[in-house]
């Protein structure tokens, strides 16, 4: 296998790994959303701040996951550009 073919294979493998991580993080983001809804419903109307703090933390986590998804997609896009050269 030539060096170019090895590079293309490595880039393609990296793309697949990124796709796998994107799928996992999307699933995780969906789970965060479900948990957020459950927590919100459980503590709705409660005077305790604990429920609000949990919802805020879950929201922050979901934002971080979404940021990571954006960065992974950008990395994949760059790998595709490399592969096309």
N, C-alpha and C. Protein backbone atom coordinates (compact mmCIF):
# COMPACT_ATOMS: atom_id res chain seq x y z
N UNK A 1 0.85 -1.16 0.00
CA UNK A 1 0.00 0.00 0.00
C UNK A 1 0.90 1.23 0.00
N UNK A 2 0.57 2.16 -0.86
CA UNK A 2 1.39 3.38 -0.94
C UNK A 2 1.09 4.29 0.25
N UNK A 3 1.98 5.24 0.43
CA UNK A 3 1.82 6.17 1.53
C UNK A 3 0.51 6.96 1.40
N UNK A 4 0.15 7.32 0.19
CA UNK A 4 -1.09 8.06 -0.05
C UNK A 4 -2.30 7.21 0.32
N UNK A 5 -2.26 5.94 -0.08
CA UNK A 5 -3.37 5.03 0.25
C UNK A 5 -3.48 4.84 1.76
N UNK A 6 -2.34 4.76 2.44
CA UNK A 6 -2.35 4.62 3.89
C UNK A 6 -2.94 5.86 4.55
N UNK A 7 -2.59 7.02 4.02
CA UNK A 7 -3.12 8.27 4.55
C UNK A 7 -4.63 8.33 4.35
N UNK A 8 -5.08 7.98 3.17
CA UNK A 8 -6.52 7.98 2.87
C UNK A 8 -7.24 7.00 3.80
N UNK A 9 -6.67 5.84 4.02
CA UNK A 9 -7.28 4.85 4.91
C UNK A 9 -7.35 5.38 6.34
N UNK A 10 -6.29 6.04 6.79
CA UNK A 10 -6.26 6.59 8.15
C UNK A 10 -7.31 7.70 8.30
N UNK A 11 -7.42 8.56 7.30
CA UNK A 11 -8.40 9.65 7.34
C UNK A 11 -9.82 9.07 7.34
N UNK A 12 -10.05 8.10 6.50
CA UNK A 12 -11.37 7.46 6.43
C UNK A 12 -11.72 6.81 7.76
N UNK A 13 -10.76 6.15 8.39
CA UNK A 13 -10.97 5.54 9.69
C UNK A 13 -11.31 6.60 10.74
N UNK A 14 -10.60 7.71 10.70
CA UNK A 14 -10.87 8.81 11.64
C UNK A 14 -12.28 9.36 11.43
N UNK A 15 -12.70 9.47 10.18
CA UNK A 15 -14.06 9.93 9.88
C UNK A 15 -15.09 8.99 10.49
N UNK A 16 -14.87 7.69 10.34
CA UNK A 16 -15.79 6.70 10.92
C UNK A 16 -15.84 6.82 12.44
N UNK A 17 -14.69 7.01 13.05
CA UNK A 17 -14.66 7.16 14.51
C UNK A 17 -15.41 8.41 14.95
N UNK A 18 -15.25 9.48 14.21
CA UNK A 18 -15.99 10.70 14.52
C UNK A 18 -17.49 10.47 14.36
N UNK A 19 -17.89 9.79 13.29
CA UNK A 19 -19.31 9.47 13.10
C UNK A 19 -19.86 8.67 14.27
N UNK A 20 -19.09 7.70 14.74
CA UNK A 20 -19.51 6.89 15.89
C UNK A 20 -19.70 7.76 17.13
N UNK A 21 -18.75 8.66 17.37
CA UNK A 21 -18.85 9.54 18.53
C UNK A 21 -20.03 10.50 18.40
N UNK A 22 -20.25 10.99 17.20
CA UNK A 22 -21.40 11.88 16.98
C UNK A 22 -22.70 11.16 17.29
N UNK A 23 -22.83 9.94 16.83
CA UNK A 23 -24.05 9.17 17.10
C UNK A 23 -24.24 8.96 18.60
N UNK A 24 -23.18 8.61 19.30
CA UNK A 24 -23.26 8.39 20.74
C UNK A 24 -23.63 9.67 21.47
N UNK A 25 -23.01 10.78 21.08
CA UNK A 25 -23.32 12.05 21.74
C UNK A 25 -24.74 12.52 21.45
N UNK A 26 -25.24 12.26 20.25
CA UNK A 26 -26.63 12.62 19.94
C UNK A 26 -27.59 11.80 20.81
N UNK A 27 -27.29 10.53 20.98
CA UNK A 27 -28.10 9.69 21.86
C UNK A 27 -28.05 10.22 23.29
N UNK A 28 -26.85 10.57 23.74
CA UNK A 28 -26.66 11.10 25.09
C UNK A 28 -27.42 12.41 25.27
N UNK A 29 -27.36 13.27 24.27
CA UNK A 29 -28.09 14.53 24.32
C UNK A 29 -29.59 14.28 24.46
N UNK A 30 -30.09 13.30 23.75
CA UNK A 30 -31.51 12.94 23.87
C UNK A 30 -31.86 12.45 25.26
N UNK A 31 -30.96 11.67 25.85
CA UNK A 31 -31.18 11.19 27.21
C UNK A 31 -31.16 12.34 28.21
N UNK A 32 -30.26 13.28 28.00
CA UNK A 32 -30.22 14.46 28.87
C UNK A 32 -31.55 15.20 28.80
N UNK A 33 -32.07 15.34 27.61
CA UNK A 33 -33.36 16.02 27.43
C UNK A 33 -34.47 15.30 28.19
N UNK A 34 -34.50 13.98 28.10
CA UNK A 34 -35.53 13.21 28.81
C UNK A 34 -35.40 13.39 30.32
N UNK A 35 -34.18 13.31 30.82
CA UNK A 35 -33.96 13.47 32.26
C UNK A 35 -34.35 14.87 32.70
N UNK A 36 -34.00 15.87 31.89
CA UNK A 36 -34.36 17.25 32.21
C UNK A 36 -35.87 17.41 32.33
N UNK A 37 -36.59 16.82 31.41
CA UNK A 37 -38.05 16.89 31.45
C UNK A 37 -38.60 16.21 32.70
N UNK A 38 -38.03 15.07 33.05
CA UNK A 38 -38.49 14.35 34.25
C UNK A 38 -38.20 15.15 35.52
N UNK A 39 -37.01 15.70 35.60
CA UNK A 39 -36.65 16.50 36.79
C UNK A 39 -37.54 17.73 36.87
N UNK A 40 -37.73 18.39 35.75
CA UNK A 40 -38.57 19.58 35.73
C UNK A 40 -39.99 19.24 36.19
N UNK A 41 -40.52 18.14 35.69
CA UNK A 41 -41.87 17.73 36.07
C UNK A 41 -41.93 17.35 37.55
N UNK A 42 -40.90 16.70 38.04
CA UNK A 42 -40.91 16.25 39.43
C UNK A 42 -40.84 17.41 40.41
N UNK A 43 -40.13 18.47 40.04
CA UNK A 43 -39.93 19.58 40.97
C UNK A 43 -40.77 20.81 40.62
N UNK A 44 -41.61 20.70 39.60
CA UNK A 44 -42.44 21.85 39.20
C UNK A 44 -43.32 22.27 40.38
N UNK A 45 -43.31 23.54 40.66
CA UNK A 45 -44.12 24.05 41.75
C UNK A 45 -43.46 23.94 43.11
N UNK A 46 -42.36 23.26 43.17
CA UNK A 46 -41.65 23.11 44.43
C UNK A 46 -40.90 24.39 44.76
N UNK A 47 -40.81 24.67 46.03
CA UNK A 47 -40.08 25.86 46.45
C UNK A 47 -38.60 25.58 46.63
N UNK A 48 -38.22 24.33 46.53
CA UNK A 48 -36.82 23.97 46.71
C UNK A 48 -36.03 24.32 45.45
N UNK A 49 -34.86 24.84 45.67
CA UNK A 49 -34.00 25.22 44.55
C UNK A 49 -33.26 24.02 43.95
N UNK A 50 -33.30 22.91 44.63
CA UNK A 50 -32.58 21.73 44.17
C UNK A 50 -32.98 21.33 42.75
N UNK A 51 -34.27 21.33 42.49
CA UNK A 51 -34.76 20.97 41.16
C UNK A 51 -34.29 21.93 40.09
N UNK A 52 -34.32 23.22 40.40
CA UNK A 52 -33.85 24.23 39.45
C UNK A 52 -32.36 24.07 39.19
N UNK A 53 -31.61 23.78 40.23
CA UNK A 53 -30.18 23.60 40.07
C UNK A 53 -29.88 22.39 39.19
N UNK A 54 -30.65 21.33 39.38
CA UNK A 54 -30.45 20.13 38.55
C UNK A 54 -30.76 20.43 37.09
N UNK A 55 -31.86 21.13 36.85
CA UNK A 55 -32.25 21.47 35.47
C UNK A 55 -31.18 22.37 34.85
N UNK A 56 -30.66 23.33 35.60
CA UNK A 56 -29.63 24.22 35.08
C UNK A 56 -28.36 23.44 34.74
N UNK A 57 -27.98 22.50 35.60
CA UNK A 57 -26.78 21.71 35.34
C UNK A 57 -26.96 20.81 34.12
N UNK A 58 -28.15 20.22 34.01
CA UNK A 58 -28.44 19.39 32.85
C UNK A 58 -28.42 20.23 31.57
N UNK A 59 -28.95 21.43 31.65
CA UNK A 59 -28.96 22.32 30.50
C UNK A 59 -27.52 22.69 30.09
N UNK A 60 -26.69 22.97 31.07
CA UNK A 60 -25.28 23.27 30.80
C UNK A 60 -24.59 22.07 30.15
N UNK A 61 -24.86 20.89 30.67
CA UNK A 61 -24.26 19.67 30.11
C UNK A 61 -24.70 19.48 28.66
N UNK A 62 -25.99 19.70 28.40
CA UNK A 62 -26.48 19.55 27.03
C UNK A 62 -25.83 20.57 26.10
N UNK A 63 -25.64 21.79 26.57
CA UNK A 63 -24.96 22.81 25.77
C UNK A 63 -23.53 22.37 25.45
N UNK A 64 -22.85 21.82 26.44
CA UNK A 64 -21.48 21.36 26.21
C UNK A 64 -21.44 20.19 25.22
N UNK A 65 -22.40 19.30 25.32
CA UNK A 65 -22.48 18.18 24.38
C UNK A 65 -22.72 18.71 22.97
N UNK A 66 -23.62 19.68 22.85
CA UNK A 66 -23.91 20.26 21.52
C UNK A 66 -22.69 20.98 20.96
N UNK A 67 -21.94 21.66 21.82
CA UNK A 67 -20.70 22.30 21.35
C UNK A 67 -19.71 21.25 20.86
N UNK A 68 -19.62 20.16 21.58
CA UNK A 68 -18.72 19.08 21.18
C UNK A 68 -19.16 18.49 19.85
N UNK A 69 -20.46 18.32 19.66
CA UNK A 69 -20.98 17.82 18.38
C UNK A 69 -20.59 18.75 17.23
N UNK A 70 -20.70 20.04 17.47
CA UNK A 70 -20.33 21.01 16.44
C UNK A 70 -18.85 20.89 16.10
N UNK A 71 -18.02 20.74 17.11
CA UNK A 71 -16.58 20.64 16.88
C UNK A 71 -16.21 19.32 16.19
N UNK A 72 -16.88 18.26 16.57
CA UNK A 72 -16.62 16.98 15.90
C UNK A 72 -17.00 17.04 14.43
N UNK A 73 -18.14 17.68 14.14
CA UNK A 73 -18.56 17.81 12.75
C UNK A 73 -17.55 18.65 11.96
N UNK A 74 -17.04 19.70 12.59
CA UNK A 74 -16.03 20.55 11.92
C UNK A 74 -14.76 19.74 11.66
N UNK A 75 -14.37 18.91 12.62
CA UNK A 75 -13.18 18.07 12.43
C UNK A 75 -13.40 17.09 11.29
N UNK A 76 -14.59 16.51 11.25
CA UNK A 76 -14.90 15.57 10.16
C UNK A 76 -14.86 16.29 8.81
N UNK A 77 -15.41 17.49 8.75
CA UNK A 77 -15.39 18.26 7.51
C UNK A 77 -13.95 18.52 7.04
N UNK A 78 -13.06 18.81 7.98
CA UNK A 78 -11.66 19.03 7.65
C UNK A 78 -11.02 17.74 7.13
N UNK A 79 -11.36 16.63 7.75
CA UNK A 79 -10.82 15.35 7.28
C UNK A 79 -11.30 15.03 5.87
N UNK A 80 -12.53 15.36 5.59
CA UNK A 80 -13.06 15.14 4.24
C UNK A 80 -12.29 15.99 3.24
N UNK A 81 -11.97 17.22 3.61
CA UNK A 81 -11.19 18.08 2.74
C UNK A 81 -9.81 17.49 2.50
N UNK A 82 -9.20 16.96 3.55
CA UNK A 82 -7.87 16.34 3.41
C UNK A 82 -7.94 15.15 2.46
N UNK A 83 -8.98 14.33 2.64
CA UNK A 83 -9.14 13.14 1.81
C UNK A 83 -9.33 13.49 0.34
N UNK A 84 -9.97 14.64 0.08
CA UNK A 84 -10.28 15.04 -1.30
C UNK A 84 -9.06 15.61 -2.02
N UNK A 85 -8.01 15.97 -1.28
CA UNK A 85 -6.82 16.57 -1.91
C UNK A 85 -6.10 15.55 -2.76
